[in-house]
Amino acid sequence: MFTLTEADLRGEQPYYRLRDTKDGRGVIIEGVGRLPASVDDVFSVLTDFENFKEWMPTVVRSDVVAREGQLVRVQVRHTVPLVGTFDCRSKYRIQENGPAKVLDGQVTFCIVDRSQTRYCVEPAADGRAALVRYFQSCDLGQWLPLFVMRWMVRREYRSAATALGARVEVVQRKARLGTSRAASEAP
């Protein structure tokens, strides 16, 4: 599934690649980026399903409707330019594979019913950052012209990658404040 690696990065900016699906009915986006954070901090943001809107540009609301072990079902409302507002039901499976953590997602009821995503967060080679790899296959069944979909994906991926990094910084800052408060209140 993943073909991009840390070696594909050029500097600190996330890198992504976009291509059409083999049948020409959708797109595949793959990305890789480094965040100056721990794997746990990044993964905590990715799995904070109720706060997707804090870093996913098209999400205006998300609610967990069920948790069953590692499986989480989420109702998500999107607002997308040129498309409008729509709801999706998604299910996510959380996996920990040694030092790597994986979040697999599948849209189960939406205008993009056959969309699948995967995030993998693992230590970067130098051990000082988290490497985030992303994959999404989105089959639109030809209801939206591919050139429009490509434009939307390029726009949204850049925004999401930047916002994910910003959200991780907020989480880290709150954790530091909580730790410093607890230390100052200790007897």
N, C-alpha and C. Protein backbone atom coordinates (compact mmCIF):
# COMPACT_ATOMS: atom_id res chain seq x y z
N MET A 1 0.82 -1.19 0.00
CA MET A 1 0.00 0.00 0.00
C MET A 1 0.87 1.26 0.00
N PHE A 2 1.83 1.36 0.94
CA PHE A 2 2.70 2.53 0.97
C PHE A 2 3.87 2.33 0.03
N THR A 3 4.15 3.34 -0.77
CA THR A 3 5.36 3.29 -1.59
C THR A 3 6.31 4.43 -1.25
N LEU A 4 5.79 5.51 -0.64
CA LEU A 4 6.64 6.63 -0.25
C LEU A 4 7.33 6.33 1.08
N THR A 5 8.57 6.79 1.19
CA THR A 5 9.33 6.58 2.42
C THR A 5 9.92 7.92 2.85
N GLU A 6 10.63 7.89 3.97
CA GLU A 6 11.29 9.11 4.46
C GLU A 6 12.29 9.65 3.44
N ALA A 7 12.89 8.77 2.65
CA ALA A 7 13.86 9.20 1.63
C ALA A 7 13.22 10.07 0.55
N ASP A 8 11.89 10.01 0.40
CA ASP A 8 11.20 10.83 -0.60
C ASP A 8 11.03 12.29 -0.16
N LEU A 9 11.24 12.56 1.11
CA LEU A 9 11.09 13.93 1.60
C LEU A 9 12.20 14.82 1.09
N ARG A 10 11.81 16.05 0.82
CA ARG A 10 12.77 17.07 0.42
C ARG A 10 12.65 18.20 1.42
N GLY A 11 13.52 18.18 2.41
CA GLY A 11 13.43 19.17 3.47
C GLY A 11 12.35 18.79 4.47
N GLU A 12 11.77 19.79 5.10
CA GLU A 12 10.78 19.54 6.15
C GLU A 12 9.34 19.56 5.64
N GLN A 13 9.15 19.89 4.38
CA GLN A 13 7.79 19.95 3.84
C GLN A 13 7.25 18.55 3.54
N PRO A 14 5.95 18.31 3.82
CA PRO A 14 5.35 17.02 3.45
C PRO A 14 5.43 16.84 1.93
N TYR A 15 5.50 15.61 1.52
CA TYR A 15 5.53 15.30 0.10
C TYR A 15 4.35 14.38 -0.19
N TYR A 16 3.69 14.61 -1.31
CA TYR A 16 2.60 13.73 -1.70
C TYR A 16 2.64 13.48 -3.19
N ARG A 17 1.98 12.40 -3.54
CA ARG A 17 1.88 12.02 -4.95
C ARG A 17 0.42 11.67 -5.20
N LEU A 18 -0.08 12.09 -6.35
CA LEU A 18 -1.46 11.87 -6.73
C LEU A 18 -1.49 11.15 -8.07
N ARG A 19 -2.31 10.11 -8.17
CA ARG A 19 -2.45 9.41 -9.44
C ARG A 19 -3.88 8.89 -9.57
N ASP A 20 -4.27 8.59 -10.80
CA ASP A 20 -5.59 8.02 -11.03
C ASP A 20 -5.60 6.54 -10.66
N THR A 21 -6.78 6.03 -10.28
CA THR A 21 -6.92 4.61 -10.04
C THR A 21 -6.79 3.87 -11.37
N LYS A 22 -6.51 2.59 -11.32
CA LYS A 22 -6.32 1.81 -12.56
C LYS A 22 -7.53 1.86 -13.46
N ASP A 23 -8.75 1.87 -12.88
CA ASP A 23 -9.95 1.89 -13.71
C ASP A 23 -10.35 3.30 -14.15
N GLY A 24 -9.59 4.33 -13.67
CA GLY A 24 -9.87 5.71 -14.08
C GLY A 24 -11.08 6.34 -13.43
N ARG A 25 -11.65 5.69 -12.41
CA ARG A 25 -12.86 6.20 -11.77
C ARG A 25 -12.59 6.97 -10.47
N GLY A 26 -11.34 7.12 -10.12
CA GLY A 26 -11.02 7.79 -8.87
C GLY A 26 -9.56 8.18 -8.82
N VAL A 27 -9.12 8.56 -7.61
CA VAL A 27 -7.74 8.97 -7.42
C VAL A 27 -7.14 8.24 -6.22
N ILE A 28 -5.82 8.17 -6.25
CA ILE A 28 -5.06 7.65 -5.12
C ILE A 28 -4.10 8.75 -4.71
N ILE A 29 -4.09 9.05 -3.44
CA ILE A 29 -3.14 10.03 -2.92
C ILE A 29 -2.29 9.33 -1.89
N GLU A 30 -1.01 9.61 -1.95
CA GLU A 30 -0.09 9.06 -0.98
C GLU A 30 0.81 10.18 -0.51
N GLY A 31 1.05 10.25 0.79
CA GLY A 31 1.87 11.31 1.32
C GLY A 31 2.78 10.83 2.42
N VAL A 32 3.81 11.63 2.68
CA VAL A 32 4.75 11.34 3.76
C VAL A 32 5.23 12.67 4.32
N GLY A 33 5.40 12.71 5.63
CA GLY A 33 5.89 13.93 6.26
C GLY A 33 6.51 13.62 7.61
N ARG A 34 7.28 14.56 8.11
CA ARG A 34 7.92 14.45 9.43
C ARG A 34 7.32 15.52 10.33
N LEU A 35 7.03 15.14 11.55
CA LEU A 35 6.57 16.11 12.54
C LEU A 35 7.50 16.05 13.74
N PRO A 36 7.91 17.20 14.26
CA PRO A 36 8.81 17.22 15.42
C PRO A 36 8.04 16.88 16.70
N ALA A 37 7.64 15.62 16.80
CA ALA A 37 6.81 15.16 17.91
C ALA A 37 7.02 13.67 18.09
N SER A 38 6.49 13.15 19.16
CA SER A 38 6.56 11.71 19.38
C SER A 38 5.47 11.01 18.58
N VAL A 39 5.67 9.73 18.34
CA VAL A 39 4.66 8.92 17.66
C VAL A 39 3.36 8.98 18.44
N ASP A 40 3.44 8.88 19.77
CA ASP A 40 2.23 8.90 20.60
C ASP A 40 1.47 10.20 20.48
N ASP A 41 2.19 11.34 20.45
CA ASP A 41 1.51 12.64 20.33
C ASP A 41 0.78 12.75 18.99
N VAL A 42 1.43 12.35 17.92
CA VAL A 42 0.80 12.43 16.60
C VAL A 42 -0.40 11.48 16.53
N PHE A 43 -0.22 10.27 17.02
CA PHE A 43 -1.30 9.29 16.93
C PHE A 43 -2.49 9.69 17.81
N SER A 44 -2.21 10.38 18.92
CA SER A 44 -3.33 10.83 19.77
C SER A 44 -4.20 11.84 19.02
N VAL A 45 -3.60 12.67 18.17
CA VAL A 45 -4.38 13.62 17.38
C VAL A 45 -5.15 12.88 16.29
N LEU A 46 -4.51 11.94 15.61
CA LEU A 46 -5.20 11.18 14.55
C LEU A 46 -6.39 10.40 15.08
N THR A 47 -6.31 9.93 16.32
CA THR A 47 -7.38 9.12 16.88
C THR A 47 -8.31 9.90 17.80
N ASP A 48 -8.19 11.21 17.82
CA ASP A 48 -9.12 12.07 18.55
C ASP A 48 -10.27 12.38 17.60
N PHE A 49 -11.10 11.39 17.37
CA PHE A 49 -12.11 11.43 16.32
C PHE A 49 -13.09 12.60 16.48
N GLU A 50 -13.41 12.96 17.70
CA GLU A 50 -14.36 14.06 17.92
C GLU A 50 -13.78 15.41 17.50
N ASN A 51 -12.47 15.50 17.33
CA ASN A 51 -11.84 16.77 16.97
C ASN A 51 -11.20 16.76 15.59
N PHE A 52 -11.71 15.94 14.69
CA PHE A 52 -11.21 15.94 13.30
C PHE A 52 -11.25 17.33 12.70
N LYS A 53 -12.28 18.10 13.04
CA LYS A 53 -12.43 19.44 12.43
C LYS A 53 -11.27 20.36 12.76
N GLU A 54 -10.49 20.03 13.79
CA GLU A 54 -9.35 20.85 14.16
C GLU A 54 -8.19 20.74 13.17
N TRP A 55 -8.20 19.69 12.34
CA TRP A 55 -7.08 19.55 11.40
C TRP A 55 -7.49 19.03 10.02
N MET A 56 -8.69 18.54 9.86
CA MET A 56 -9.16 18.12 8.53
C MET A 56 -9.97 19.27 7.94
N PRO A 57 -9.49 19.88 6.88
CA PRO A 57 -10.09 21.11 6.36
C PRO A 57 -11.56 21.03 5.98
N THR A 58 -12.04 19.89 5.52
CA THR A 58 -13.44 19.81 5.07
C THR A 58 -14.40 19.39 6.18
N VAL A 59 -13.90 18.96 7.31
CA VAL A 59 -14.75 18.44 8.39
C VAL A 59 -15.29 19.59 9.23
N VAL A 60 -16.62 19.61 9.41
CA VAL A 60 -17.25 20.61 10.26
C VAL A 60 -17.78 19.99 11.55
N ARG A 61 -17.91 18.66 11.56
CA ARG A 61 -18.38 17.96 12.77
C ARG A 61 -18.04 16.48 12.66
N SER A 62 -17.69 15.88 13.79
CA SER A 62 -17.47 14.44 13.82
C SER A 62 -17.86 13.92 15.20
N ASP A 63 -18.58 12.82 15.19
CA ASP A 63 -19.06 12.21 16.43
C ASP A 63 -18.80 10.71 16.41
N VAL A 64 -18.26 10.20 17.50
CA VAL A 64 -18.09 8.75 17.65
C VAL A 64 -19.47 8.17 17.95
N VAL A 65 -19.89 7.19 17.16
CA VAL A 65 -21.19 6.56 17.40
C VAL A 65 -21.04 5.18 18.03
N ALA A 66 -19.86 4.56 17.96
CA ALA A 66 -19.64 3.26 18.60
C ALA A 66 -18.15 2.98 18.72
N ARG A 67 -17.79 2.31 19.80
CA ARG A 67 -16.43 1.82 20.01
C ARG A 67 -16.54 0.35 20.40
N GLU A 68 -15.83 -0.47 19.65
CA GLU A 68 -15.82 -1.91 19.92
C GLU A 68 -14.37 -2.38 19.84
N GLY A 69 -13.66 -2.34 20.97
CA GLY A 69 -12.25 -2.71 20.97
C GLY A 69 -11.45 -1.73 20.13
N GLN A 70 -10.77 -2.25 19.12
CA GLN A 70 -9.95 -1.39 18.25
C GLN A 70 -10.74 -0.77 17.11
N LEU A 71 -12.02 -1.09 17.00
CA LEU A 71 -12.87 -0.57 15.93
C LEU A 71 -13.69 0.62 16.44
N VAL A 72 -13.63 1.72 15.70
CA VAL A 72 -14.36 2.93 16.07
C VAL A 72 -15.20 3.36 14.87
N ARG A 73 -16.49 3.62 15.12
CA ARG A 73 -17.39 4.10 14.06
C ARG A 73 -17.66 5.58 14.31
N VAL A 74 -17.53 6.37 13.24
CA VAL A 74 -17.61 7.82 13.36
C VAL A 74 -18.57 8.37 12.30
N GLN A 75 -19.41 9.31 12.71
CA GLN A 75 -20.27 10.06 11.79
C GLN A 75 -19.58 11.39 11.54
N VAL A 76 -19.31 11.72 10.28
CA VAL A 76 -18.56 12.93 9.94
C VAL A 76 -19.36 13.78 8.96
N ARG A 77 -19.43 15.08 9.23
CA ARG A 77 -20.06 16.02 8.30
C ARG A 77 -18.96 16.84 7.63
N HIS A 78 -19.00 16.86 6.30
CA HIS A 78 -18.02 17.60 5.50
C HIS A 78 -18.71 18.75 4.78
N THR A 79 -17.97 19.82 4.55
CA THR A 79 -18.37 20.87 3.62
C THR A 79 -17.22 21.03 2.64
N VAL A 80 -17.51 20.78 1.37
CA VAL A 80 -16.49 20.77 0.33
C VAL A 80 -16.86 21.77 -0.76
N PRO A 81 -15.92 22.65 -1.13
CA PRO A 81 -16.19 23.59 -2.23
C PRO A 81 -16.63 22.84 -3.49
N LEU A 82 -17.56 23.38 -4.22
CA LEU A 82 -18.11 22.84 -5.46
C LEU A 82 -19.00 21.61 -5.25
N VAL A 83 -19.01 21.05 -4.05
CA VAL A 83 -19.81 19.85 -3.79
C VAL A 83 -20.92 20.14 -2.80
N GLY A 84 -20.62 20.84 -1.71
CA GLY A 84 -21.61 21.16 -0.70
C GLY A 84 -21.33 20.43 0.61
N THR A 85 -22.38 20.30 1.42
CA THR A 85 -22.28 19.65 2.73
C THR A 85 -22.89 18.26 2.64
N PHE A 86 -22.19 17.30 3.23
CA PHE A 86 -22.69 15.92 3.21
C PHE A 86 -22.15 15.17 4.42
N ASP A 87 -22.86 14.12 4.80
CA ASP A 87 -22.47 13.28 5.93
C ASP A 87 -21.86 11.98 5.43
N CYS A 88 -20.92 11.47 6.21
CA CYS A 88 -20.30 10.17 5.92
C CYS A 88 -20.28 9.35 7.20
N ARG A 89 -20.40 8.07 7.04
CA ARG A 89 -20.14 7.14 8.14
C ARG A 89 -18.82 6.47 7.82
N SER A 90 -17.95 6.48 8.80
CA SER A 90 -16.64 5.87 8.61
C SER A 90 -16.37 4.90 9.74
N LYS A 91 -15.56 3.92 9.43
CA LYS A 91 -15.10 3.04 10.51
C LYS A 91 -13.58 3.00 10.46
N TYR A 92 -12.99 3.01 11.63
CA TYR A 92 -11.54 3.03 11.77
C TYR A 92 -11.09 1.87 12.65
N ARG A 93 -9.98 1.28 12.28
CA ARG A 93 -9.36 0.24 13.08
C ARG A 93 -8.00 0.75 13.52
N ILE A 94 -7.78 0.71 14.83
CA ILE A 94 -6.54 1.19 15.43
C ILE A 94 -5.64 -0.01 15.68
N GLN A 95 -4.39 0.07 15.21
CA GLN A 95 -3.45 -1.03 15.38
C GLN A 95 -2.10 -0.49 15.85
N GLU A 96 -1.47 -1.26 16.71
CA GLU A 96 -0.11 -0.93 17.12
C GLU A 96 0.79 -2.07 16.70
N ASN A 97 1.76 -1.75 15.87
CA ASN A 97 2.70 -2.76 15.35
C ASN A 97 4.10 -2.39 15.79
N GLY A 98 4.47 -2.81 17.00
CA GLY A 98 5.78 -2.43 17.52
C GLY A 98 5.84 -0.93 17.72
N PRO A 99 6.88 -0.27 17.21
CA PRO A 99 6.97 1.18 17.39
C PRO A 99 6.03 1.95 16.47
N ALA A 100 5.45 1.28 15.48
CA ALA A 100 4.54 1.95 14.54
C ALA A 100 3.10 1.81 15.01
N LYS A 101 2.31 2.84 14.70
CA LYS A 101 0.88 2.81 15.00
C LYS A 101 0.15 3.07 13.70
N VAL A 102 -0.93 2.31 13.47
CA VAL A 102 -1.64 2.37 12.19
C VAL A 102 -3.12 2.65 12.45
N LEU A 103 -3.68 3.51 11.62
CA LEU A 103 -5.10 3.80 11.64
C LEU A 103 -5.65 3.53 10.25
N ASP A 104 -6.48 2.49 10.14
CA ASP A 104 -7.12 2.15 8.86
C ASP A 104 -8.54 2.67 8.87
N GLY A 105 -8.94 3.32 7.79
CA GLY A 105 -10.29 3.85 7.71
C GLY A 105 -11.00 3.43 6.45
N GLN A 106 -12.32 3.31 6.56
CA GLN A 106 -13.14 2.98 5.40
C GLN A 106 -14.45 3.75 5.50
N VAL A 107 -14.78 4.45 4.43
CA VAL A 107 -16.06 5.16 4.38
C VAL A 107 -17.12 4.12 4.05
N THR A 108 -18.16 4.07 4.89
CA THR A 108 -19.18 3.04 4.71
C THR A 108 -20.52 3.57 4.20
N PHE A 109 -20.73 4.86 4.28
CA PHE A 109 -21.97 5.44 3.75
C PHE A 109 -21.69 6.89 3.42
N CYS A 110 -21.57 7.18 2.13
CA CYS A 110 -21.19 8.54 1.74
C CYS A 110 -21.20 8.63 0.22
N ILE A 111 -20.94 9.83 -0.28
CA ILE A 111 -20.80 9.98 -1.72
C ILE A 111 -19.52 9.36 -2.23
N VAL A 112 -18.60 9.02 -1.33
CA VAL A 112 -17.37 8.33 -1.70
C VAL A 112 -17.32 6.98 -0.97
N ASP A 113 -18.32 6.15 -1.22
CA ASP A 113 -18.46 4.88 -0.50
C ASP A 113 -17.25 3.98 -0.57
N ARG A 114 -16.50 4.08 -1.59
CA ARG A 114 -15.37 3.15 -1.73
C ARG A 114 -14.04 3.80 -1.36
N SER A 115 -14.07 4.76 -0.47
CA SER A 115 -12.84 5.43 -0.05
C SER A 115 -12.21 4.65 1.10
N GLN A 116 -10.89 4.44 0.99
CA GLN A 116 -10.14 3.79 2.05
C GLN A 116 -8.93 4.64 2.38
N THR A 117 -8.61 4.72 3.67
CA THR A 117 -7.46 5.50 4.09
C THR A 117 -6.59 4.66 5.02
N ARG A 118 -5.33 5.04 5.09
CA ARG A 118 -4.42 4.43 6.06
C ARG A 118 -3.39 5.47 6.47
N TYR A 119 -3.24 5.62 7.78
CA TYR A 119 -2.18 6.43 8.36
C TYR A 119 -1.24 5.49 9.07
N CYS A 120 0.03 5.69 8.92
CA CYS A 120 1.03 4.96 9.67
C CYS A 120 1.96 5.99 10.30
N VAL A 121 2.11 5.92 11.61
CA VAL A 121 2.98 6.85 12.32
C VAL A 121 4.07 6.01 12.97
N GLU A 122 5.31 6.35 12.68
CA GLU A 122 6.44 5.58 13.20
C GLU A 122 7.61 6.53 13.48
N PRO A 123 8.57 6.09 14.27
CA PRO A 123 9.73 6.96 14.52
C PRO A 123 10.49 7.24 13.23
N ALA A 124 10.90 8.49 13.05
CA ALA A 124 11.75 8.84 11.91
C ALA A 124 13.12 8.18 12.11
N ALA A 125 13.87 8.10 11.03
CA ALA A 125 15.16 7.41 11.07
C ALA A 125 16.10 7.98 12.13
N ASP A 126 16.07 9.30 12.35
CA ASP A 126 16.97 9.91 13.32
C ASP A 126 16.45 9.82 14.75
N GLY A 127 15.22 9.31 14.92
CA GLY A 127 14.65 9.15 16.26
C GLY A 127 14.19 10.43 16.91
N ARG A 128 14.26 11.56 16.21
CA ARG A 128 13.89 12.85 16.79
C ARG A 128 12.55 13.39 16.31
N ALA A 129 11.84 12.62 15.52
CA ALA A 129 10.57 13.08 14.96
C ALA A 129 9.69 11.87 14.67
N ALA A 130 8.44 12.15 14.35
CA ALA A 130 7.52 11.10 13.92
C ALA A 130 7.38 11.19 12.40
N LEU A 131 7.44 10.06 11.77
CA LEU A 131 7.21 9.97 10.33
C LEU A 131 5.76 9.57 10.13
N VAL A 132 5.04 10.37 9.35
CA VAL A 132 3.62 10.09 9.09
C VAL A 132 3.49 9.73 7.62
N ARG A 133 2.96 8.54 7.37
CA ARG A 133 2.69 8.14 5.99
C ARG A 133 1.18 7.99 5.84
N TYR A 134 0.68 8.40 4.67
CA TYR A 134 -0.76 8.45 4.43
C TYR A 134 -1.06 7.86 3.07
N PHE A 135 -2.17 7.14 2.99
CA PHE A 135 -2.62 6.57 1.72
C PHE A 135 -4.13 6.71 1.68
N GLN A 136 -4.66 7.13 0.54
CA GLN A 136 -6.11 7.14 0.35
C GLN A 136 -6.43 6.78 -1.08
N SER A 137 -7.37 5.88 -1.22
CA SER A 137 -7.93 5.52 -2.52
C SER A 137 -9.38 5.97 -2.50
N CYS A 138 -9.75 6.79 -3.45
CA CYS A 138 -11.08 7.38 -3.46
C CYS A 138 -11.73 7.13 -4.81
N ASP A 139 -12.75 6.29 -4.85
CA ASP A 139 -13.48 5.97 -6.07
C ASP A 139 -14.78 6.74 -6.08
N LEU A 140 -14.92 7.62 -7.04
CA LEU A 140 -16.10 8.49 -7.09
C LEU A 140 -17.17 8.01 -8.05
N GLY A 141 -16.94 6.89 -8.70
CA GLY A 141 -17.95 6.38 -9.62
C GLY A 141 -18.29 7.36 -10.73
N GLN A 142 -17.36 8.24 -11.07
CA GLN A 142 -17.50 9.20 -12.17
C GLN A 142 -18.53 10.30 -11.91
N TRP A 143 -19.05 10.47 -10.68
CA TRP A 143 -20.05 11.52 -10.48
C TRP A 143 -19.41 12.91 -10.42
N LEU A 144 -18.12 12.96 -10.14
CA LEU A 144 -17.40 14.22 -10.10
C LEU A 144 -16.25 14.14 -11.09
N PRO A 145 -16.11 15.11 -11.98
CA PRO A 145 -15.00 15.04 -12.94
C PRO A 145 -13.66 14.90 -12.24
N LEU A 146 -12.79 14.07 -12.76
CA LEU A 146 -11.50 13.81 -12.12
C LEU A 146 -10.65 15.06 -11.97
N PHE A 147 -10.70 16.00 -12.94
CA PHE A 147 -9.89 17.20 -12.79
C PHE A 147 -10.32 18.01 -11.57
N VAL A 148 -11.62 18.00 -11.25
CA VAL A 148 -12.11 18.69 -10.05
C VAL A 148 -11.62 17.94 -8.80
N MET A 149 -11.71 16.63 -8.82
CA MET A 149 -11.25 15.84 -7.69
C MET A 149 -9.75 16.03 -7.46
N ARG A 150 -8.97 16.04 -8.51
CA ARG A 150 -7.52 16.24 -8.36
C ARG A 150 -7.23 17.60 -7.72
N TRP A 151 -7.93 18.64 -8.17
CA TRP A 151 -7.75 19.97 -7.60
C TRP A 151 -8.09 19.98 -6.11
N MET A 152 -9.21 19.35 -5.76
CA MET A 152 -9.64 19.31 -4.36
C MET A 152 -8.63 18.56 -3.51
N VAL A 153 -8.16 17.43 -3.99
CA VAL A 153 -7.21 16.62 -3.21
C VAL A 153 -5.92 17.40 -2.99
N ARG A 154 -5.39 18.04 -4.01
CA ARG A 154 -4.15 18.82 -3.85
C ARG A 154 -4.34 19.90 -2.79
N ARG A 155 -5.44 20.60 -2.89
CA ARG A 155 -5.73 21.70 -1.96
C ARG A 155 -5.90 21.17 -0.54
N GLU A 156 -6.69 20.12 -0.38
CA GLU A 156 -6.99 19.59 0.95
C GLU A 156 -5.80 18.91 1.58
N TYR A 157 -4.98 18.21 0.81
CA TYR A 157 -3.84 17.51 1.40
C TYR A 157 -2.86 18.52 1.99
N ARG A 158 -2.55 19.56 1.25
CA ARG A 158 -1.63 20.56 1.79
C ARG A 158 -2.17 21.17 3.07
N SER A 159 -3.45 21.51 3.08
CA SER A 159 -4.06 22.11 4.27
C SER A 159 -4.07 21.13 5.44
N ALA A 160 -4.43 19.88 5.18
CA ALA A 160 -4.50 18.89 6.26
C ALA A 160 -3.13 18.60 6.85
N ALA A 161 -2.11 18.50 6.01
CA ALA A 161 -0.76 18.21 6.51
C ALA A 161 -0.28 19.34 7.42
N THR A 162 -0.51 20.58 7.03
CA THR A 162 -0.12 21.74 7.84
C THR A 162 -0.94 21.79 9.13
N ALA A 163 -2.23 21.57 9.02
CA ALA A 163 -3.12 21.64 10.20
C ALA A 163 -2.84 20.50 11.18
N LEU A 164 -2.49 19.31 10.68
CA LEU A 164 -2.15 18.20 11.57
C LEU A 164 -0.93 18.59 12.42
N GLY A 165 0.09 19.14 11.78
CA GLY A 165 1.27 19.59 12.52
C GLY A 165 0.93 20.64 13.57
N ALA A 166 0.07 21.60 13.20
CA ALA A 166 -0.34 22.65 14.13
C ALA A 166 -1.13 22.07 15.30
N ARG A 167 -1.99 21.10 15.01
CA ARG A 167 -2.80 20.48 16.08
C ARG A 167 -1.91 19.69 17.04
N VAL A 168 -0.92 19.00 16.52
CA VAL A 168 0.01 18.27 17.38
C VAL A 168 0.74 19.25 18.30
N GLU A 169 1.15 20.40 17.77
CA GLU A 169 1.80 21.42 18.61
C GLU A 169 0.89 21.89 19.73
N VAL A 170 -0.40 22.08 19.45
CA VAL A 170 -1.36 22.49 20.48
C VAL A 170 -1.45 21.42 21.56
N VAL A 171 -1.56 20.17 21.18
CA VAL A 171 -1.64 19.07 22.14
C VAL A 171 -0.38 19.01 23.00
N GLN A 172 0.78 19.16 22.38
CA GLN A 172 2.03 19.15 23.13
C GLN A 172 2.10 20.32 24.12
N ARG A 173 1.68 21.50 23.68
CA ARG A 173 1.69 22.68 24.55
C ARG A 173 0.79 22.47 25.76
N LYS A 174 -0.42 21.91 25.53
CA LYS A 174 -1.35 21.65 26.63
C LYS A 174 -0.76 20.63 27.60
N ALA A 175 -0.10 19.62 27.07
CA ALA A 175 0.52 18.61 27.93
C ALA A 175 1.62 19.23 28.78
N ARG A 176 2.44 20.11 28.19
CA ARG A 176 3.51 20.78 28.95
C ARG A 176 2.92 21.67 30.03
N LEU A 177 1.85 22.39 29.71
CA LEU A 177 1.20 23.24 30.71
C LEU A 177 0.65 22.41 31.85
N GLY A 178 0.03 21.29 31.52
CA GLY A 178 -0.52 20.40 32.55
C GLY A 178 0.58 19.85 33.44
N THR A 179 1.70 19.49 32.86
CA THR A 179 2.83 18.96 33.62
C THR A 179 3.43 20.03 34.52
N SER A 180 3.59 21.24 33.99
CA SER A 180 4.18 22.31 34.80
C SER A 180 3.23 22.73 35.91
N ARG A 181 1.92 22.73 35.67
CA ARG A 181 0.95 23.05 36.73
C ARG A 181 1.00 22.02 37.82
N ALA A 182 1.02 20.74 37.42
CA ALA A 182 1.05 19.66 38.41
C ALA A 182 2.33 19.76 39.25
N ALA A 183 3.45 20.09 38.63
CA ALA A 183 4.72 20.21 39.37
C ALA A 183 4.66 21.39 40.34
N SER A 184 4.05 22.49 39.92
CA SER A 184 4.00 23.67 40.79
C SER A 184 3.01 23.49 41.94
N GLU A 185 2.03 22.62 41.77
CA GLU A 185 1.05 22.36 42.82
C GLU A 185 1.48 21.26 43.76
N ALA A 186 2.54 20.55 43.43
CA ALA A 186 3.01 19.45 44.27
C ALA A 186 3.55 20.00 45.59
N PRO A 187 3.33 19.26 46.69
CA PRO A 187 3.80 19.74 48.02
C PRO A 187 5.30 19.77 48.12
